[in-house]
Amino acid sequence: MSRDFRLHRVPVDVLDYEIAEEKAAALGRLGRALERALARLREFDAAHCRSDATASVQQARRTLVREAGHALWMFVVQREACGLRDSRTVMRDYHVPGEVQQCMGATPATSMRTVT
């Protein structure tokens, strides 16, 4: 906190500051959750050949894509709550696959992992 803020604070300013802190903390948590979801998908792809995948492998991959899509949705919504409206940088910087972008916002499976 800056010195001027501490000297001239009123309750509403303190509350605004704490809300901004929580928005930033939530954005960080959701960004890390997106990174983990995308990493799990990349690791899965590296370990499995897509051309001769069994039905269970394909289903496992679809689940990972849906989880990453949900994590992307949560992150983008939080960014927008923070005033960051352009998601193109997220897609580029996080290397989000098109299939994950397409399922962004889809209802997650009941087996979704919780964001920590």
Protein backbone atom coordinates (compact mmCIF):
# COMPACT_ATOMS: atom_id res chain seq x y z
CA MET A 1 0.00 0.00 0.00
CA SER A 2 1.29 3.46 -0.81
CA ARG A 3 1.96 5.95 1.97
CA ASP A 4 -0.64 8.41 0.59
CA PHE A 5 -3.31 5.72 0.60
CA ARG A 6 -2.67 4.89 4.24
CA LEU A 7 -2.76 8.57 5.28
CA HIS A 8 -5.96 9.46 3.47
CA ARG A 9 -7.97 6.27 3.61
CA VAL A 10 -11.65 6.17 4.19
CA PRO A 11 -13.57 2.93 4.73
CA VAL A 12 -14.79 2.72 1.13
CA ASP A 13 -11.23 3.12 -0.18
CA VAL A 14 -10.00 0.32 2.06
CA LEU A 15 -12.84 -1.90 0.87
CA ASP A 16 -12.12 -1.08 -2.79
CA TYR A 17 -8.46 -1.93 -2.24
CA GLU A 18 -9.31 -5.27 -0.63
CA ILE A 19 -11.73 -6.14 -3.44
CA ALA A 20 -9.04 -5.37 -6.01
CA GLU A 21 -6.61 -7.58 -4.07
CA GLU A 22 -9.08 -10.47 -4.07
CA LYS A 23 -9.80 -10.06 -7.79
CA ALA A 24 -6.09 -10.25 -8.49
CA ALA A 25 -5.61 -13.27 -6.22
CA ALA A 26 -8.54 -15.08 -7.87
CA LEU A 27 -7.12 -14.26 -11.30
CA GLY A 28 -3.81 -15.80 -10.26
CA ARG A 29 -5.45 -18.96 -8.89
CA LEU A 30 -7.56 -19.41 -12.02
CA GLY A 31 -4.56 -18.77 -14.28
CA ARG A 32 -2.60 -21.49 -12.49
CA ALA A 33 -5.59 -23.84 -12.76
CA LEU A 34 -5.71 -23.20 -16.52
CA GLU A 35 -1.99 -23.86 -16.81
CA ARG A 36 -2.39 -27.18 -14.95
CA ALA A 37 -5.35 -28.26 -17.10
CA LEU A 38 -3.50 -27.45 -20.31
CA ALA A 39 -0.38 -29.23 -19.03
CA ARG A 40 -2.41 -32.37 -18.26
CA LEU A 41 -3.82 -32.31 -21.79
CA ARG A 42 -0.37 -31.83 -23.36
CA GLU A 43 1.12 -34.63 -21.23
CA PHE A 44 -1.73 -36.93 -22.20
CA ASP A 45 -1.22 -36.13 -25.88
CA ALA A 46 2.50 -36.76 -25.58
CA ALA A 47 1.86 -40.16 -23.98
CA HIS A 48 -0.84 -41.36 -26.39
CA CYS A 49 -0.88 -41.69 -30.15
CA ARG A 50 -4.15 -40.21 -31.43
CA SER A 51 -4.36 -42.22 -34.62
CA ASP A 52 -4.83 -45.63 -32.99
CA ALA A 53 -6.40 -44.61 -29.67
CA THR A 54 -8.94 -46.89 -28.06
CA ALA A 55 -12.40 -45.65 -27.11
CA SER A 56 -11.39 -45.31 -23.46
CA VAL A 57 -8.32 -43.24 -24.39
CA GLN A 58 -10.46 -41.01 -26.60
CA GLN A 59 -12.96 -40.55 -23.77
CA ALA A 60 -10.18 -39.70 -21.32
CA ARG A 61 -8.88 -37.09 -23.73
CA ARG A 62 -12.34 -35.59 -24.24
CA THR A 63 -12.62 -35.26 -20.48
CA LEU A 64 -9.27 -33.44 -20.32
CA VAL A 65 -10.35 -31.10 -23.14
CA ARG A 66 -13.61 -30.32 -21.29
CA GLU A 67 -11.73 -29.68 -18.06
CA ALA A 68 -9.33 -27.34 -19.85
CA GLY A 69 -12.29 -25.60 -21.52
CA HIS A 70 -13.93 -25.07 -18.15
CA ALA A 71 -10.68 -23.74 -16.64
CA LEU A 72 -10.33 -21.40 -19.63
CA TRP A 73 -13.89 -20.16 -19.17
CA MET A 74 -13.34 -19.47 -15.47
CA PHE A 75 -10.10 -17.60 -16.19
CA VAL A 76 -11.60 -15.49 -18.99
CA VAL A 77 -14.61 -14.55 -16.86
CA GLN A 78 -12.35 -13.47 -14.00
CA ARG A 79 -10.17 -11.47 -16.38
CA GLU A 80 -13.25 -9.68 -17.63
CA ALA A 81 -14.30 -8.97 -14.03
CA CYS A 82 -10.90 -7.31 -13.64
CA GLY A 83 -11.51 -5.17 -16.72
CA LEU A 84 -9.32 -7.20 -19.11
CA ARG A 85 -11.65 -7.72 -22.06
CA ASP A 86 -9.37 -8.98 -24.86
CA SER A 87 -8.92 -12.76 -24.60
CA ARG A 88 -6.71 -13.08 -27.68
CA THR A 89 -3.59 -12.63 -25.56
CA VAL A 90 -4.71 -15.46 -23.26
CA MET A 91 -5.18 -17.82 -26.21
CA ARG A 92 -1.77 -16.89 -27.59
CA ASP A 93 0.25 -16.73 -24.36
CA TYR A 94 -1.19 -19.93 -22.89
CA HIS A 95 -1.11 -21.75 -26.26
CA VAL A 96 -4.75 -22.76 -25.90
CA PRO A 97 -5.73 -25.34 -28.55
CA GLY A 98 -8.72 -24.53 -30.73
CA GLU A 99 -10.68 -27.51 -29.43
CA VAL A 100 -10.31 -26.20 -25.88
CA GLN A 101 -11.48 -22.75 -27.00
CA GLN A 102 -14.50 -24.32 -28.69
CA CYS A 103 -15.67 -26.06 -25.52
CA MET A 104 -15.02 -23.03 -23.33
CA GLY A 105 -18.02 -22.47 -21.10
CA ALA A 106 -19.46 -25.93 -21.64
CA THR A 107 -20.96 -27.52 -18.57
CA PRO A 108 -18.19 -29.47 -16.83
CA ALA A 109 -18.40 -33.18 -16.19
CA THR A 110 -19.36 -34.25 -12.67
CA SER A 111 -15.86 -35.59 -12.15
CA MET A 112 -14.31 -32.12 -12.52
CA ARG A 113 -11.41 -31.41 -10.25
CA THR A 114 -11.81 -28.39 -7.97
CA VAL A 115 -9.72 -25.27 -8.38
CA THR A 116 -7.10 -24.99 -5.65
